[in-house]
Amino acid sequence: INPTTEQPLGEFPEHSSEQIVSALRQAEKAFHTWRLTPIAERARFMQR
């Protein structure tokens, strides 16, 4: 709800249980690669 106008701002569907599990598996997989990414390369991503 927009607190200035008290009007709704549209609906945002919640993620389902299946979508949550899928996202967590992707995060788990991403970690094993990201942790090995050189810190200088991580810094370039963060600057971007």
All heavy atoms as atom14 arrays in JSON, in Angstrom:
{
  "sequence": "INPTTEQPLGEFPEHSSEQIVSALRQAEKAFHTWRLTPIAERARFMQR",
  "atom14_mask": [
    [1, 1, 1, 1, 1, 1, 1, 1, 0, 0, 0, 0, 0, 0],
    [1, 1, 1, 1, 1, 1, 1, 1, 0, 0, 0, 0, 0, 0],
    [1, 1, 1, 1, 1, 1, 1, 0, 0, 0, 0, 0, 0, 0],
    [1, 1, 1, 1, 1, 1, 1, 0, 0, 0, 0, 0, 0, 0],
    [1, 1, 1, 1, 1, 1, 1, 0, 0, 0, 0, 0, 0, 0],
    [1, 1, 1, 1, 1, 1, 1, 1, 1, 0, 0, 0, 0, 0],
    [1, 1, 1, 1, 1, 1, 1, 1, 1, 0, 0, 0, 0, 0],
    [1, 1, 1, 1, 1, 1, 1, 0, 0, 0, 0, 0, 0, 0],
    [1, 1, 1, 1, 1, 1, 1, 1, 0, 0, 0, 0, 0, 0],
    [1, 1, 1, 1, 0, 0, 0, 0, 0, 0, 0, 0, 0, 0],
    [1, 1, 1, 1, 1, 1, 1, 1, 1, 0, 0, 0, 0, 0],
    [1, 1, 1, 1, 1, 1, 1, 1, 1, 1, 1, 0, 0, 0],
    [1, 1, 1, 1, 1, 1, 1, 0, 0, 0, 0, 0, 0, 0],
    [1, 1, 1, 1, 1, 1, 1, 1, 1, 0, 0, 0, 0, 0],
    [1, 1, 1, 1, 1, 1, 1, 1, 1, 1, 0, 0, 0, 0],
    [1, 1, 1, 1, 1, 1, 0, 0, 0, 0, 0, 0, 0, 0],
    [1, 1, 1, 1, 1, 1, 0, 0, 0, 0, 0, 0, 0, 0],
    [1, 1, 1, 1, 1, 1, 1, 1, 1, 0, 0, 0, 0, 0],
    [1, 1, 1, 1, 1, 1, 1, 1, 1, 0, 0, 0, 0, 0],
    [1, 1, 1, 1, 1, 1, 1, 1, 0, 0, 0, 0, 0, 0],
    [1, 1, 1, 1, 1, 1, 1, 0, 0, 0, 0, 0, 0, 0],
    [1, 1, 1, 1, 1, 1, 0, 0, 0, 0, 0, 0, 0, 0],
    [1, 1, 1, 1, 1, 0, 0, 0, 0, 0, 0, 0, 0, 0],
    [1, 1, 1, 1, 1, 1, 1, 1, 0, 0, 0, 0, 0, 0],
    [1, 1, 1, 1, 1, 1, 1, 1, 1, 1, 1, 0, 0, 0],
    [1, 1, 1, 1, 1, 1, 1, 1, 1, 0, 0, 0, 0, 0],
    [1, 1, 1, 1, 1, 0, 0, 0, 0, 0, 0, 0, 0, 0],
    [1, 1, 1, 1, 1, 1, 1, 1, 1, 0, 0, 0, 0, 0],
    [1, 1, 1, 1, 1, 1, 1, 1, 1, 0, 0, 0, 0, 0],
    [1, 1, 1, 1, 1, 0, 0, 0, 0, 0, 0, 0, 0, 0],
    [1, 1, 1, 1, 1, 1, 1, 1, 1, 1, 1, 0, 0, 0],
    [1, 1, 1, 1, 1, 1, 1, 1, 1, 1, 0, 0, 0, 0],
    [1, 1, 1, 1, 1, 1, 1, 0, 0, 0, 0, 0, 0, 0],
    [1, 1, 1, 1, 1, 1, 1, 1, 1, 1, 1, 1, 1, 1],
    [1, 1, 1, 1, 1, 1, 1, 1, 1, 1, 1, 0, 0, 0],
    [1, 1, 1, 1, 1, 1, 1, 1, 0, 0, 0, 0, 0, 0],
    [1, 1, 1, 1, 1, 1, 1, 0, 0, 0, 0, 0, 0, 0],
    [1, 1, 1, 1, 1, 1, 1, 0, 0, 0, 0, 0, 0, 0],
    [1, 1, 1, 1, 1, 1, 1, 1, 0, 0, 0, 0, 0, 0],
    [1, 1, 1, 1, 1, 0, 0, 0, 0, 0, 0, 0, 0, 0],
    [1, 1, 1, 1, 1, 1, 1, 1, 1, 0, 0, 0, 0, 0],
    [1, 1, 1, 1, 1, 1, 1, 1, 1, 1, 1, 0, 0, 0],
    [1, 1, 1, 1, 1, 0, 0, 0, 0, 0, 0, 0, 0, 0],
    [1, 1, 1, 1, 1, 1, 1, 1, 1, 1, 1, 0, 0, 0],
    [1, 1, 1, 1, 1, 1, 1, 1, 1, 1, 1, 0, 0, 0],
    [1, 1, 1, 1, 1, 1, 1, 1, 0, 0, 0, 0, 0, 0],
    [1, 1, 1, 1, 1, 1, 1, 1, 1, 0, 0, 0, 0, 0],
    [1, 1, 1, 1, 1, 1, 1, 1, 1, 1, 1, 0, 0, 0]
  ],
  "atom14_positions": [
    [[0.84, -1.19, 0.0], [0.0, 0.0, 0.0], [0.88, 1.24, 0.0], [1.81, 1.36, 0.81], [-0.92, 0.02, 1.24], [-1.79, -1.24, 1.29], [-1.78, 1.28, 1.26], [-2.77, -1.37, 0.15], [0.0, 0.0, 0.0], [0.0, 0.0, 0.0], [0.0, 0.0, 0.0], [0.0, 0.0, 0.0], [0.0, 0.0, 0.0], [0.0, 0.0, 0.0]],
    [[0.61, 2.16, -0.91], [1.32, 3.43, -0.92], [0.93, 4.22, 0.33], [-0.23, 4.57, 0.5], [0.95, 4.22, -2.18], [1.75, 5.51, -2.34], [2.03, 6.2, -1.37], [2.1, 5.83, -3.57], [0.0, 0.0, 0.0], [0.0, 0.0, 0.0], [0.0, 0.0, 0.0], [0.0, 0.0, 0.0], [0.0, 0.0, 0.0], [0.0, 0.0, 0.0]],
    [[1.86, 4.5, 1.24], [1.49, 5.15, 2.5], [1.1, 6.62, 2.35], [0.54, 7.19, 3.29], [2.75, 5.0, 3.36], [3.86, 4.9, 2.37], [3.3, 4.18, 1.19], [0.0, 0.0, 0.0], [0.0, 0.0, 0.0], [0.0, 0.0, 0.0], [0.0, 0.0, 0.0], [0.0, 0.0, 0.0], [0.0, 0.0, 0.0], [0.0, 0.0, 0.0]],
    [[1.38, 7.2, 1.21], [1.0, 8.6, 0.97], [-0.43, 8.7, 0.45], [-1.19, 9.58, 0.87], [1.97, 9.24, -0.05], [3.31, 9.09, 0.42], [1.66, 10.71, -0.25], [0.0, 0.0, 0.0], [0.0, 0.0, 0.0], [0.0, 0.0, 0.0], [0.0, 0.0, 0.0], [0.0, 0.0, 0.0], [0.0, 0.0, 0.0], [0.0, 0.0, 0.0]],
    [[-0.8, 7.78, -0.44], [-2.14, 7.83, -1.05], [-3.1, 6.82, -0.46], [-4.31, 6.9, -0.72], [-2.02, 7.57, -2.56], [-1.56, 6.21, -2.76], [-1.04, 8.54, -3.22], [0.0, 0.0, 0.0], [0.0, 0.0, 0.0], [0.0, 0.0, 0.0], [0.0, 0.0, 0.0], [0.0, 0.0, 0.0], [0.0, 0.0, 0.0], [0.0, 0.0, 0.0]],
    [[-2.57, 5.83, 0.28], [-3.34, 4.71, 0.84], [-3.94, 3.83, -0.25], [-4.89, 3.08, -0.01], [-4.43, 5.21, 1.79], [-3.91, 6.04, 2.96], [-4.98, 6.4, 3.98], [-5.8, 5.52, 4.3], [-4.99, 7.56, 4.44], [0.0, 0.0, 0.0], [0.0, 0.0, 0.0], [0.0, 0.0, 0.0], [0.0, 0.0, 0.0], [0.0, 0.0, 0.0]],
    [[-3.34, 3.88, -1.44], [-3.81, 3.06, -2.56], [-2.88, 1.86, -2.77], [-1.67, 1.97, -2.57], [-3.87, 3.89, -3.84], [-4.86, 5.04, -3.79], [-6.27, 4.56, -3.54], [-6.78, 3.67, -4.24], [-6.92, 5.13, -2.52], [0.0, 0.0, 0.0], [0.0, 0.0, 0.0], [0.0, 0.0, 0.0], [0.0, 0.0, 0.0], [0.0, 0.0, 0.0]],
    [[-3.46, 0.7, -3.19], [-2.62, -0.48, -3.45], [-1.71, -0.26, -4.66], [-2.05, 0.49, -5.59], [-3.64, -1.6, -3.71], [-4.89, -0.89, -4.1], [-4.88, 0.43, -3.4], [0.0, 0.0, 0.0], [0.0, 0.0, 0.0], [0.0, 0.0, 0.0], [0.0, 0.0, 0.0], [0.0, 0.0, 0.0], [0.0, 0.0, 0.0], [0.0, 0.0, 0.0]],
    [[-0.57, -0.9, -4.62], [0.44, -0.75, -5.68], [0.53, -1.98, -6.58], [1.52, -2.16, -7.29], [1.81, -0.48, -5.05], [1.94, 0.88, -4.35], [3.22, 0.93, -3.53], [1.91, 2.01, -5.36], [0.0, 0.0, 0.0], [0.0, 0.0, 0.0], [0.0, 0.0, 0.0], [0.0, 0.0, 0.0], [0.0, 0.0, 0.0], [0.0, 0.0, 0.0]],
    [[-0.48, -2.82, -6.57], [-0.46, -4.02, -7.4], [-0.1, -5.24, -6.58], [0.33, -5.14, -5.43], [0.0, 0.0, 0.0], [0.0, 0.0, 0.0], [0.0, 0.0, 0.0], [0.0, 0.0, 0.0], [0.0, 0.0, 0.0], [0.0, 0.0, 0.0], [0.0, 0.0, 0.0], [0.0, 0.0, 0.0], [0.0, 0.0, 0.0], [0.0, 0.0, 0.0]],
    [[-0.27, -6.39, -7.18], [-0.05, -7.64, -6.47], [1.26, -8.29, -6.9], [1.6, -8.33, -8.08], [-1.21, -8.61, -6.74], [-1.13, -9.88, -5.91], [-2.4, -10.7, -5.98], [-3.34, -10.3, -6.69], [-2.45, -11.76, -5.32], [0.0, 0.0, 0.0], [0.0, 0.0, 0.0], [0.0, 0.0, 0.0], [0.0, 0.0, 0.0], [0.0, 0.0, 0.0]],
    [[1.99, -8.8, -5.92], [3.25, -9.5, -6.15], [3.07, -10.93, -5.64], [3.0, -11.15, -4.42], [4.4, -8.82, -5.41], [4.77, -7.47, -5.93], [3.97, -6.35, -5.67], [5.9, -7.29, -6.71], [4.31, -5.09, -6.14], [6.26, -6.03, -7.19], [5.45, -4.94, -6.91], [0.0, 0.0, 0.0], [0.0, 0.0, 0.0], [0.0, 0.0, 0.0]],
    [[2.99, -11.91, -6.52], [2.77, -13.29, -6.06], [3.96, -13.79, -5.24], [5.12, -13.53, -5.56], [2.64, -14.09, -7.36], [2.56, -13.1, -8.46], [3.08, -11.81, -7.97], [0.0, 0.0, 0.0], [0.0, 0.0, 0.0], [0.0, 0.0, 0.0], [0.0, 0.0, 0.0], [0.0, 0.0, 0.0], [0.0, 0.0, 0.0], [0.0, 0.0, 0.0]],
    [[3.66, -14.5, -4.16], [4.71, -15.11, -3.36], [5.29, -16.31, -4.09], [4.61, -16.97, -4.87], [4.16, -15.54, -2.0], [3.77, -14.38, -1.11], [3.41, -14.84, 0.3], [3.96, -15.86, 0.76], [2.58, -14.17, 0.94], [0.0, 0.0, 0.0], [0.0, 0.0, 0.0], [0.0, 0.0, 0.0], [0.0, 0.0, 0.0], [0.0, 0.0, 0.0]],
    [[6.55, -16.6, -3.8], [7.17, -17.79, -4.37], [6.57, -19.04, -3.72], [6.31, -19.07, -2.51], [8.69, -17.76, -4.15], [9.4, -16.8, -5.05], [9.97, -15.62, -4.6], [9.63, -16.82, -6.38], [10.53, -14.98, -5.61], [10.33, -15.68, -6.7], [0.0, 0.0, 0.0], [0.0, 0.0, 0.0], [0.0, 0.0, 0.0], [0.0, 0.0, 0.0]],
    [[6.37, -20.05, -4.54], [5.84, -21.32, -4.05], [6.93, -22.11, -3.35], [8.11, -21.79, -3.45], [5.29, -22.14, -5.22], [6.36, -22.54, -6.07], [0.0, 0.0, 0.0], [0.0, 0.0, 0.0], [0.0, 0.0, 0.0], [0.0, 0.0, 0.0], [0.0, 0.0, 0.0], [0.0, 0.0, 0.0], [0.0, 0.0, 0.0], [0.0, 0.0, 0.0]],
    [[6.54, -23.16, -2.64], [7.51, -24.03, -1.97], [8.5, -24.6, -2.96], [9.71, -24.7, -2.69], [6.79, -25.14, -1.23], [5.94, -24.62, -0.23], [0.0, 0.0, 0.0], [0.0, 0.0, 0.0], [0.0, 0.0, 0.0], [0.0, 0.0, 0.0], [0.0, 0.0, 0.0], [0.0, 0.0, 0.0], [0.0, 0.0, 0.0], [0.0, 0.0, 0.0]],
    [[8.0, -24.97, -4.13], [8.88, -25.54, -5.15], [9.88, -24.5, -5.66], [11.05, -24.81, -5.89], [8.04, -26.08, -6.33], [7.17, -27.29, -6.0], [5.93, -26.92, -5.2], [5.57, -25.71, -5.14], [5.33, -27.85, -4.61], [0.0, 0.0, 0.0], [0.0, 0.0, 0.0], [0.0, 0.0, 0.0], [0.0, 0.0, 0.0], [0.0, 0.0, 0.0]],
    [[9.42, -23.27, -5.85], [10.32, -22.22, -6.31], [11.37, -21.89, -5.26], [12.53, -21.61, -5.6], [9.5, -20.96, -6.64], [8.67, -21.08, -7.91], [7.75, -19.88, -8.1], [7.09, -19.42, -7.16], [7.71, -19.36, -9.32], [0.0, 0.0, 0.0], [0.0, 0.0, 0.0], [0.0, 0.0, 0.0], [0.0, 0.0, 0.0], [0.0, 0.0, 0.0]],
    [[10.97, -21.93, -4.0], [11.94, -21.67, -2.92], [13.03, -22.73, -2.93], [14.23, -22.41, -2.88], [11.22, -21.64, -1.56], [10.28, -20.45, -1.48], [12.23, -21.6, -0.42], [9.35, -20.48, -0.29], [0.0, 0.0, 0.0], [0.0, 0.0, 0.0], [0.0, 0.0, 0.0], [0.0, 0.0, 0.0], [0.0, 0.0, 0.0], [0.0, 0.0, 0.0]],
    [[12.64, -23.99, -2.99], [13.62, -25.08, -2.99], [14.54, -24.97, -4.19], [15.77, -25.13, -4.08], [12.9, -26.44, -2.95], [13.9, -27.58, -3.19], [12.18, -26.63, -1.63], [0.0, 0.0, 0.0], [0.0, 0.0, 0.0], [0.0, 0.0, 0.0], [0.0, 0.0, 0.0], [0.0, 0.0, 0.0], [0.0, 0.0, 0.0], [0.0, 0.0, 0.0]],
    [[13.97, -24.67, -5.35], [14.79, -24.53, -6.56], [15.8, -23.39, -6.42], [16.97, -23.54, -6.79], [13.88, -24.28, -7.76], [14.64, -24.05, -8.93], [0.0, 0.0, 0.0], [0.0, 0.0, 0.0], [0.0, 0.0, 0.0], [0.0, 0.0, 0.0], [0.0, 0.0, 0.0], [0.0, 0.0, 0.0], [0.0, 0.0, 0.0], [0.0, 0.0, 0.0]],
    [[15.35, -22.27, -5.86], [16.26, -21.14, -5.68], [17.38, -21.46, -4.69], [18.54, -21.07, -4.9], [15.47, -19.93, -5.2], [0.0, 0.0, 0.0], [0.0, 0.0, 0.0], [0.0, 0.0, 0.0], [0.0, 0.0, 0.0], [0.0, 0.0, 0.0], [0.0, 0.0, 0.0], [0.0, 0.0, 0.0], [0.0, 0.0, 0.0], [0.0, 0.0, 0.0]],
    [[17.06, -22.19, -3.64], [18.08, -22.56, -2.66], [19.09, -23.53, -3.24], [20.29, -23.47, -2.94], [17.42, -23.13, -1.41], [16.6, -22.13, -0.58], [15.87, -22.84, 0.55], [17.48, -21.01, -0.03], [0.0, 0.0, 0.0], [0.0, 0.0, 0.0], [0.0, 0.0, 0.0], [0.0, 0.0, 0.0], [0.0, 0.0, 0.0], [0.0, 0.0, 0.0]],
    [[18.62, -24.45, -4.09], [19.57, -25.36, -4.73], [20.5, -24.6, -5.67], [21.69, -24.89, -5.77], [18.81, -26.43, -5.53], [17.93, -27.37, -4.71], [18.72, -28.4, -3.88], [19.31, -27.84, -2.69], [18.63, -27.5, -1.57], [17.31, -27.66, -1.52], [19.24, -27.01, -0.53], [0.0, 0.0, 0.0], [0.0, 0.0, 0.0], [0.0, 0.0, 0.0]],
    [[19.94, -23.59, -6.36], [20.78, -22.79, -7.25], [21.81, -21.98, -6.44], [22.97, -21.86, -6.85], [19.92, -21.85, -8.08], [20.73, -21.06, -9.12], [19.89, -20.12, -9.95], [19.09, -19.36, -9.41], [20.05, -20.17, -11.26], [0.0, 0.0, 0.0], [0.0, 0.0, 0.0], [0.0, 0.0, 0.0], [0.0, 0.0, 0.0], [0.0, 0.0, 0.0]],
    [[21.38, -21.44, -5.31], [22.31, -20.69, -4.45], [23.42, -21.61, -3.95], [24.6, -21.22, -3.91], [21.56, -20.07, -3.28], [0.0, 0.0, 0.0], [0.0, 0.0, 0.0], [0.0, 0.0, 0.0], [0.0, 0.0, 0.0], [0.0, 0.0, 0.0], [0.0, 0.0, 0.0], [0.0, 0.0, 0.0], [0.0, 0.0, 0.0], [0.0, 0.0, 0.0]],
    [[23.05, -22.81, -3.56], [24.03, -23.78, -3.07], [25.06, -24.1, -4.15], [26.28, -24.15, -3.89], [23.28, -25.05, -2.65], [24.08, -26.04, -1.85], [23.18, -27.15, -1.33], [22.21, -27.53, -2.02], [23.45, -27.64, -0.23], [0.0, 0.0, 0.0], [0.0, 0.0, 0.0], [0.0, 0.0, 0.0], [0.0, 0.0, 0.0], [0.0, 0.0, 0.0]],
    [[24.57, -24.29, -5.36], [25.47, -24.59, -6.48], [26.36, -23.39, -6.81], [27.57, -23.52, -7.05], [24.65, -24.99, -7.71], [25.48, -25.33, -8.94], [24.56, -25.72, -10.11], [25.37, -26.04, -11.35], [24.48, -26.37, -12.51], [0.0, 0.0, 0.0], [0.0, 0.0, 0.0], [0.0, 0.0, 0.0], [0.0, 0.0, 0.0], [0.0, 0.0, 0.0]],
    [[25.76, -22.2, -6.78], [26.51, -20.99, -7.11], [27.65, -20.76, -6.11], [28.72, -20.28, -6.49], [25.57, -19.79, -7.13], [0.0, 0.0, 0.0], [0.0, 0.0, 0.0], [0.0, 0.0, 0.0], [0.0, 0.0, 0.0], [0.0, 0.0, 0.0], [0.0, 0.0, 0.0], [0.0, 0.0, 0.0], [0.0, 0.0, 0.0], [0.0, 0.0, 0.0]],
    [[27.41, -21.08, -4.85], [28.43, -20.86, -3.83], [29.73, -21.6, -4.16], [30.83, -21.05, -3.99], [27.92, -21.27, -2.46], [28.99, -21.33, -1.41], [29.66, -20.19, -1.01], [29.36, -22.54, -0.83], [30.66, -20.24, -0.05], [30.35, -22.6, 0.13], [31.01, -21.45, 0.51], [0.0, 0.0, 0.0], [0.0, 0.0, 0.0], [0.0, 0.0, 0.0]],
    [[29.63, -22.82, -4.61], [30.83, -23.62, -4.85], [31.69, -23.03, -5.96], [32.91, -23.25, -5.98], [30.42, -25.07, -5.15], [29.77, -25.75, -3.99], [30.42, -25.99, -2.81], [28.5, -26.22, -3.81], [29.61, -26.58, -1.95], [28.44, -26.73, -2.53], [0.0, 0.0, 0.0], [0.0, 0.0, 0.0], [0.0, 0.0, 0.0], [0.0, 0.0, 0.0]],
    [[31.07, -22.28, -6.86], [31.85, -21.59, -7.9], [32.3, -20.22, -7.43], [33.45, -19.82, -7.62], [31.0, -21.46, -9.18], [30.59, -22.75, -9.61], [31.78, -20.78, -10.29], [0.0, 0.0, 0.0], [0.0, 0.0, 0.0], [0.0, 0.0, 0.0], [0.0, 0.0, 0.0], [0.0, 0.0, 0.0], [0.0, 0.0, 0.0], [0.0, 0.0, 0.0]],
    [[31.37, -19.49, -6.79], [31.66, -18.12, -6.37], [32.8, -18.06, -5.37], [33.64, -17.16, -5.43], [30.4, -17.49, -5.8], [30.55, -16.06, -5.38], [30.5, -15.56, -4.11], [30.75, -14.93, -6.23], [30.65, -14.2, -4.12], [30.82, -13.77, -5.4], [30.89, -14.77, -7.62], [31.01, -12.5, -5.92], [31.09, -13.49, -8.13], [31.16, -12.38, -7.28]],
    [[32.87, -19.01, -4.46], [33.92, -18.98, -3.45], [35.3, -19.12, -4.05], [36.3, -18.69, -3.45], [33.69, -20.08, -2.41], [33.86, -21.5, -2.93], [33.82, -22.51, -1.81], [34.91, -22.27, -0.87], [35.04, -22.86, 0.31], [34.13, -23.72, 0.73], [36.07, -22.6, 1.09], [0.0, 0.0, 0.0], [0.0, 0.0, 0.0], [0.0, 0.0, 0.0]],
    [[35.39, -19.73, -5.24], [36.67, -19.91, -5.92], [36.99, -18.76, -6.88], [38.08, -18.74, -7.46], [36.67, -21.24, -6.69], [36.46, -22.51, -5.83], [36.38, -23.74, -6.72], [37.55, -22.65, -4.79], [0.0, 0.0, 0.0], [0.0, 0.0, 0.0], [0.0, 0.0, 0.0], [0.0, 0.0, 0.0], [0.0, 0.0, 0.0], [0.0, 0.0, 0.0]],
    [[36.04, -17.86, -7.06], [36.27, -16.71, -7.93], [37.3, -15.78, -7.28], [37.15, -15.42, -6.11], [34.96, -15.94, -8.16], [33.99, -16.83, -8.72], [35.16, -14.76, -9.08], [0.0, 0.0, 0.0], [0.0, 0.0, 0.0], [0.0, 0.0, 0.0], [0.0, 0.0, 0.0], [0.0, 0.0, 0.0], [0.0, 0.0, 0.0], [0.0, 0.0, 0.0]],
    [[38.37, -15.42, -7.99], [39.38, -14.54, -7.38], [38.76, -13.26, -6.84], [37.82, -12.71, -7.42], [40.34, -14.26, -8.54], [40.16, -15.42, -9.46], [38.72, -15.81, -9.36], [0.0, 0.0, 0.0], [0.0, 0.0, 0.0], [0.0, 0.0, 0.0], [0.0, 0.0, 0.0], [0.0, 0.0, 0.0], [0.0, 0.0, 0.0], [0.0, 0.0, 0.0]],
    [[39.28, -12.79, -5.74], [38.68, -11.63, -5.08], [38.75, -10.39, -5.97], [37.86, -9.52, -5.92], [39.31, -11.39, -3.7], [38.41, -10.46, -2.87], [40.73, -10.85, -3.82], [38.72, -10.45, -1.41], [0.0, 0.0, 0.0], [0.0, 0.0, 0.0], [0.0, 0.0, 0.0], [0.0, 0.0, 0.0], [0.0, 0.0, 0.0], [0.0, 0.0, 0.0]],
    [[39.76, -10.3, -6.81], [39.83, -9.15, -7.72], [38.67, -9.17, -8.7], [38.13, -8.12, -9.07], [41.16, -9.16, -8.47], [0.0, 0.0, 0.0], [0.0, 0.0, 0.0], [0.0, 0.0, 0.0], [0.0, 0.0, 0.0], [0.0, 0.0, 0.0], [0.0, 0.0, 0.0], [0.0, 0.0, 0.0], [0.0, 0.0, 0.0], [0.0, 0.0, 0.0]],
    [[38.28, -10.37, -9.12], [37.14, -10.48, -10.03], [35.83, -10.17, -9.29], [34.94, -9.5, -9.82], [37.09, -11.88, -10.64], [36.07, -12.0, -11.75], [36.16, -13.35, -12.47], [37.19, -14.04, -12.32], [35.18, -13.7, -13.15], [0.0, 0.0, 0.0], [0.0, 0.0, 0.0], [0.0, 0.0, 0.0], [0.0, 0.0, 0.0], [0.0, 0.0, 0.0]],
    [[35.71, -10.65, -8.05], [34.53, -10.3, -7.26], [34.42, -8.78, -7.12], [33.33, -8.21, -7.17], [34.62, -10.92, -5.86], [34.47, -12.42, -5.79], [34.53, -12.86, -4.33], [35.27, -14.1, -4.18], [35.89, -14.5, -3.08], [35.88, -13.73, -2.0], [36.52, -15.65, -3.03], [0.0, 0.0, 0.0], [0.0, 0.0, 0.0], [0.0, 0.0, 0.0]],
    [[35.55, -8.13, -6.92], [35.56, -6.68, -6.76], [35.06, -5.98, -8.02], [34.34, -4.97, -7.95], [36.97, -6.2, -6.41], [0.0, 0.0, 0.0], [0.0, 0.0, 0.0], [0.0, 0.0, 0.0], [0.0, 0.0, 0.0], [0.0, 0.0, 0.0], [0.0, 0.0, 0.0], [0.0, 0.0, 0.0], [0.0, 0.0, 0.0], [0.0, 0.0, 0.0]],
    [[35.4, -6.52, -9.19], [34.91, -5.9, -10.43], [33.39, -6.0, -10.52], [32.71, -5.05, -10.94], [35.59, -6.55, -11.64], [37.04, -6.11, -11.83], [37.58, -6.53, -13.17], [37.81, -7.98, -13.25], [38.94, -8.58, -12.88], [39.94, -7.87, -12.39], [39.07, -9.9, -13.0], [0.0, 0.0, 0.0], [0.0, 0.0, 0.0], [0.0, 0.0, 0.0]],
    [[32.84, -7.15, -10.14], [31.39, -7.29, -10.12], [30.77, -6.28, -9.15], [29.76, -5.65, -9.45], [31.0, -8.71, -9.68], [31.16, -9.76, -10.75], [32.06, -10.81, -10.56], [30.42, -9.73, -11.9], [32.22, -11.8, -11.52], [30.57, -10.71, -12.88], [31.47, -11.74, -12.69], [0.0, 0.0, 0.0], [0.0, 0.0, 0.0], [0.0, 0.0, 0.0]],
    [[31.38, -6.14, -7.98], [30.82, -5.25, -6.96], [30.9, -3.79, -7.4], [29.97, -3.0, -7.14], [31.54, -5.47, -5.63], [30.81, -4.85, -4.44], [29.14, -5.5, -4.17], [29.51, -7.19, -3.65], [0.0, 0.0, 0.0], [0.0, 0.0, 0.0], [0.0, 0.0, 0.0], [0.0, 0.0, 0.0], [0.0, 0.0, 0.0], [0.0, 0.0, 0.0]],
    [[31.98, -3.42, -8.05], [32.07, -2.05, -8.58], [30.99, -1.8, -9.62], [30.4, -0.71, -9.67], [33.45, -1.81, -9.18], [34.56, -1.68, -8.14], [35.93, -1.61, -8.77], [36.22, -2.31, -9.74], [36.78, -0.75, -8.23], [0.0, 0.0, 0.0], [0.0, 0.0, 0.0], [0.0, 0.0, 0.0], [0.0, 0.0, 0.0], [0.0, 0.0, 0.0]],
    [[30.71, -2.82, -10.44], [29.64, -2.67, -11.44], [28.28, -2.52, -10.75], [27.42, -1.77, -11.22], [29.63, -3.86, -12.4], [30.75, -3.82, -13.43], [30.44, -4.66, -14.65], [30.45, -6.08, -14.37], [31.5, -6.88, -14.49], [32.67, -6.36, -14.86], [31.43, -8.16, -14.23], [0.0, 0.0, 0.0], [0.0, 0.0, 0.0], [0.0, 0.0, 0.0]]
  ]
}
